[in-house]
Amino acid sequence: MVEEFKLLGVSGSVREGSYNTKVLEYLRNLLPDGCRYEIFENISDIPFYDQSFESRLPERVLALRNAVQDADGLIIATPEHNASVPAALKNVLEWLSRPIGNAAIEQKPVAILGVAPGLYGTIRSQIHLRQILHSTGAFVVQKPEVYINEIARKLDQHGDLNDEVAVKHLVELIGELQRLIRQHRRLRS
């Protein structure tokens, strides 16, 4: 029997035509049997985090939290803005990490990746993202670290990734996320 997993992709980019979102969409081609996968669409309409709304969450925040809680694991794709994570992604993580004791992301298995048009990929933003996720109590896949640089030449007009090394790393990342989910399930049972 094939073990089932439900994965949720979250793109840290709000840009139309985002490379990070395109790679999250491409991941559908790499998922093994038993994986259900959806992408939480467009985080640009998530209101700024405001602790005074924790007792009555805005509708879009509630949808985000429910999607995360319903998933066995998350895949976060982050661009790099000013050597860190984009403000919209940081805002999403604020909502997911609160309130303390009822955080949607606490103890959630998470895989991260990032793509960028430049030579350095998203190395600096992923360092910050790992630090943020650690503070929320999420369980983050440690290896492989997936930094896809020069993405404009690695995606074809259909959104397919034509870089064998990047595809190999994405497959490994999904495998490690599944392993982390299995480990988490054993700990909870």
Protein backbone atom coordinates (compact mmCIF):
# COMPACT_ATOMS: atom_id res chain seq x y z
CA MET A 1 0.00 0.00 0.00
CA VAL A 2 1.27 3.47 -0.92
CA GLU A 3 1.65 5.83 2.04
CA GLU A 4 -0.29 9.04 1.50
CA PHE A 5 1.01 12.53 2.11
CA LYS A 6 -0.66 15.89 1.70
CA LEU A 7 1.76 18.67 0.84
CA LEU A 8 1.10 22.39 0.62
CA GLY A 9 3.26 24.75 -1.41
CA VAL A 10 3.63 28.39 -0.39
CA SER A 11 5.40 30.88 -2.61
CA GLY A 12 7.05 33.82 -0.89
CA SER A 13 6.68 35.84 -4.07
CA VAL A 14 3.67 37.99 -4.89
CA ARG A 15 4.91 38.85 -8.39
CA GLU A 16 2.80 37.73 -11.33
CA GLY A 17 4.86 35.20 -13.29
CA SER A 18 7.03 34.49 -10.25
CA TYR A 19 9.83 31.99 -10.84
CA ASN A 20 9.37 30.61 -7.33
CA THR A 21 5.69 29.95 -8.00
CA LYS A 22 6.55 28.35 -11.34
CA VAL A 23 8.97 25.94 -9.65
CA LEU A 24 6.31 25.08 -7.05
CA GLU A 25 3.95 24.31 -9.93
CA TYR A 26 6.66 22.23 -11.64
CA LEU A 27 7.01 20.11 -8.48
CA ARG A 28 3.72 18.39 -9.41
CA ASN A 29 5.75 16.48 -12.04
CA LEU A 30 8.16 15.12 -9.43
CA LEU A 31 5.82 13.92 -6.70
CA PRO A 32 5.68 10.19 -6.00
CA ASP A 33 2.48 8.17 -5.83
CA GLY A 34 0.44 8.91 -2.75
CA CYS A 35 1.29 12.62 -2.65
CA ARG A 36 -1.57 15.08 -2.86
CA TYR A 37 -0.33 18.58 -3.47
CA GLU A 38 -1.78 22.02 -3.69
CA ILE A 39 -0.37 25.50 -3.71
CA PHE A 40 -1.78 28.20 -1.46
CA GLU A 41 -2.52 30.87 -4.02
CA ASN A 42 -1.15 34.38 -3.77
CA ILE A 43 -0.20 35.58 -0.32
CA SER A 44 -0.45 39.25 -1.35
CA ASP A 45 -3.92 39.62 0.17
CA ILE A 46 -2.96 38.34 3.62
CA PRO A 47 -3.36 41.37 5.90
CA PHE A 48 -0.42 42.55 7.96
CA TYR A 49 -0.07 40.62 11.17
CA ASP A 50 -1.87 42.33 14.05
CA GLN A 51 -2.01 40.59 17.41
CA SER A 52 -5.31 42.27 18.23
CA PHE A 53 -6.95 40.09 15.55
CA GLU A 54 -5.77 36.76 16.99
CA SER A 55 -9.14 36.20 18.67
CA ARG A 56 -11.04 36.86 15.43
CA LEU A 57 -8.82 35.95 12.52
CA PRO A 58 -9.40 37.62 9.16
CA GLU A 59 -10.98 35.23 6.64
CA ARG A 60 -7.91 34.93 4.42
CA VAL A 61 -5.66 34.25 7.43
CA LEU A 62 -8.05 31.56 8.62
CA ALA A 63 -7.92 29.95 5.15
CA LEU A 64 -4.11 30.00 5.27
CA ARG A 65 -3.95 28.51 8.77
CA ASN A 66 -6.48 25.81 7.89
CA ALA A 67 -4.55 24.86 4.75
CA VAL A 68 -1.32 24.58 6.74
CA GLN A 69 -2.91 22.60 9.56
CA ASP A 70 -4.53 20.23 7.04
CA ALA A 71 -1.20 19.51 5.30
CA ASP A 72 1.29 16.89 6.45
CA GLY A 73 4.13 19.09 5.27
CA LEU A 74 4.92 22.45 3.67
CA ILE A 75 7.16 23.39 0.79
CA ILE A 76 8.13 27.06 0.93
CA ALA A 77 9.75 28.70 -2.09
CA THR A 78 11.38 32.02 -1.31
CA PRO A 79 12.88 34.73 -3.45
CA GLU A 80 15.53 37.01 -1.96
CA HIS A 81 14.73 40.64 -1.21
CA ASN A 82 17.49 42.81 0.24
CA ALA A 83 19.46 39.74 1.36
CA SER A 84 16.48 38.32 3.27
CA VAL A 85 12.97 36.91 2.93
CA PRO A 86 10.28 39.04 1.31
CA ALA A 87 7.99 40.98 3.63
CA ALA A 88 4.91 39.08 2.42
CA LEU A 89 6.45 35.73 3.38
CA LYS A 90 7.58 37.03 6.78
CA ASN A 91 4.01 38.24 7.34
CA VAL A 92 2.62 34.78 6.51
CA LEU A 93 5.02 33.23 9.01
CA GLU A 94 3.91 35.73 11.68
CA TRP A 95 0.29 34.60 11.29
CA LEU A 96 1.27 30.91 11.24
CA SER A 97 3.42 31.17 14.37
CA ARG A 98 0.80 32.77 16.58
CA PRO A 99 -0.84 32.58 19.00
CA ILE A 100 1.78 30.89 21.14
CA GLY A 101 0.49 27.45 22.06
CA ASN A 102 -1.79 27.30 19.03
CA ALA A 103 0.59 28.00 16.16
CA ALA A 104 -0.32 26.39 12.83
CA ILE A 105 3.34 25.87 11.88
CA GLU A 106 4.66 24.53 15.19
CA GLN A 107 6.03 20.99 14.72
CA LYS A 108 5.10 21.10 11.02
CA PRO A 109 7.60 19.44 8.66
CA VAL A 110 8.83 22.07 6.18
CA ALA A 111 11.06 21.94 3.10
CA ILE A 112 12.47 25.15 1.67
CA LEU A 113 13.83 26.11 -1.70
CA GLY A 114 14.45 29.26 -3.61
CA VAL A 115 15.04 30.36 -7.16
CA ALA A 116 16.47 33.58 -8.52
CA PRO A 117 17.66 35.07 -11.79
CA GLY A 118 21.11 35.90 -10.42
CA LEU A 119 24.20 33.82 -9.77
CA TYR A 120 23.77 33.33 -6.02
CA GLY A 121 20.26 31.94 -5.93
CA THR A 122 18.62 32.63 -2.60
CA ILE A 123 21.37 31.66 -0.19
CA ARG A 124 20.96 34.62 2.15
CA SER A 125 17.16 34.56 2.26
CA GLN A 126 17.17 30.84 3.01
CA ILE A 127 19.55 31.36 5.93
CA HIS A 128 17.07 33.86 7.37
CA LEU A 129 14.10 31.62 6.57
CA ARG A 130 15.71 28.70 8.41
CA GLN A 131 16.30 30.93 11.42
CA ILE A 132 12.67 32.14 11.40
CA LEU A 133 11.28 28.62 11.02
CA HIS A 134 13.49 27.36 13.84
CA SER A 135 12.04 30.01 16.14
CA THR A 136 8.48 28.94 15.26
CA GLY A 137 9.12 25.33 16.24
CA ALA A 138 8.74 24.00 12.69
CA PHE A 139 10.76 20.91 11.69
CA VAL A 140 12.89 21.94 8.70
CA VAL A 141 14.52 19.61 6.19
CA GLN A 142 18.26 20.24 6.60
CA LYS A 143 19.62 18.75 3.37
CA PRO A 144 19.57 19.17 0.46
CA GLU A 145 19.66 22.94 0.36
CA VAL A 146 18.03 23.87 -2.94
CA TYR A 147 19.24 27.14 -4.47
CA ILE A 148 18.37 27.38 -8.14
CA ASN A 149 20.23 30.25 -9.75
CA GLU A 150 19.95 31.73 -13.26
CA ILE A 151 16.39 30.45 -13.38
CA ALA A 152 15.39 32.34 -16.54
CA ARG A 153 17.53 30.00 -18.66
CA LYS A 154 16.52 26.86 -16.71
CA LEU A 155 12.74 27.08 -17.21
CA ASP A 156 11.31 26.52 -20.68
CA GLN A 157 8.21 28.23 -22.10
CA HIS A 158 6.00 25.47 -20.63
CA GLY A 159 7.36 25.95 -17.11
CA ASP A 160 9.46 22.78 -17.21
CA LEU A 161 12.80 22.82 -15.43
CA ASN A 162 15.59 21.76 -17.80
CA ASP A 163 18.43 21.63 -15.29
CA GLU A 164 19.18 18.01 -14.27
CA VAL A 165 21.01 18.98 -11.08
CA ALA A 166 18.14 21.20 -9.92
CA VAL A 167 15.59 18.47 -10.69
CA LYS A 168 17.70 15.92 -8.80
CA HIS A 169 17.87 18.22 -5.76
CA LEU A 170 14.11 18.85 -5.85
CA VAL A 171 13.43 15.09 -5.92
CA GLU A 172 15.80 14.63 -2.97
CA LEU A 173 14.10 17.50 -1.12
CA ILE A 174 10.68 15.90 -1.55
CA GLY A 175 12.08 12.57 -0.38
CA GLU A 176 13.59 14.16 2.72
CA LEU A 177 10.32 15.97 3.46
CA GLN A 178 8.48 12.64 3.26
CA ARG A 179 11.05 11.09 5.62
CA LEU A 180 10.57 13.95 8.07
CA ILE A 181 6.78 13.57 7.88
CA ARG A 182 7.08 9.83 8.61
CA GLN A 183 9.34 10.56 11.57
CA HIS A 184 6.88 13.17 12.83
CA ARG A 185 3.98 10.73 12.50
CA ARG A 186 5.85 8.10 14.55
CA LEU A 187 6.57 10.64 17.28
CA ARG A 188 2.90 11.65 17.49
CA SER A 189 1.52 8.11 17.59
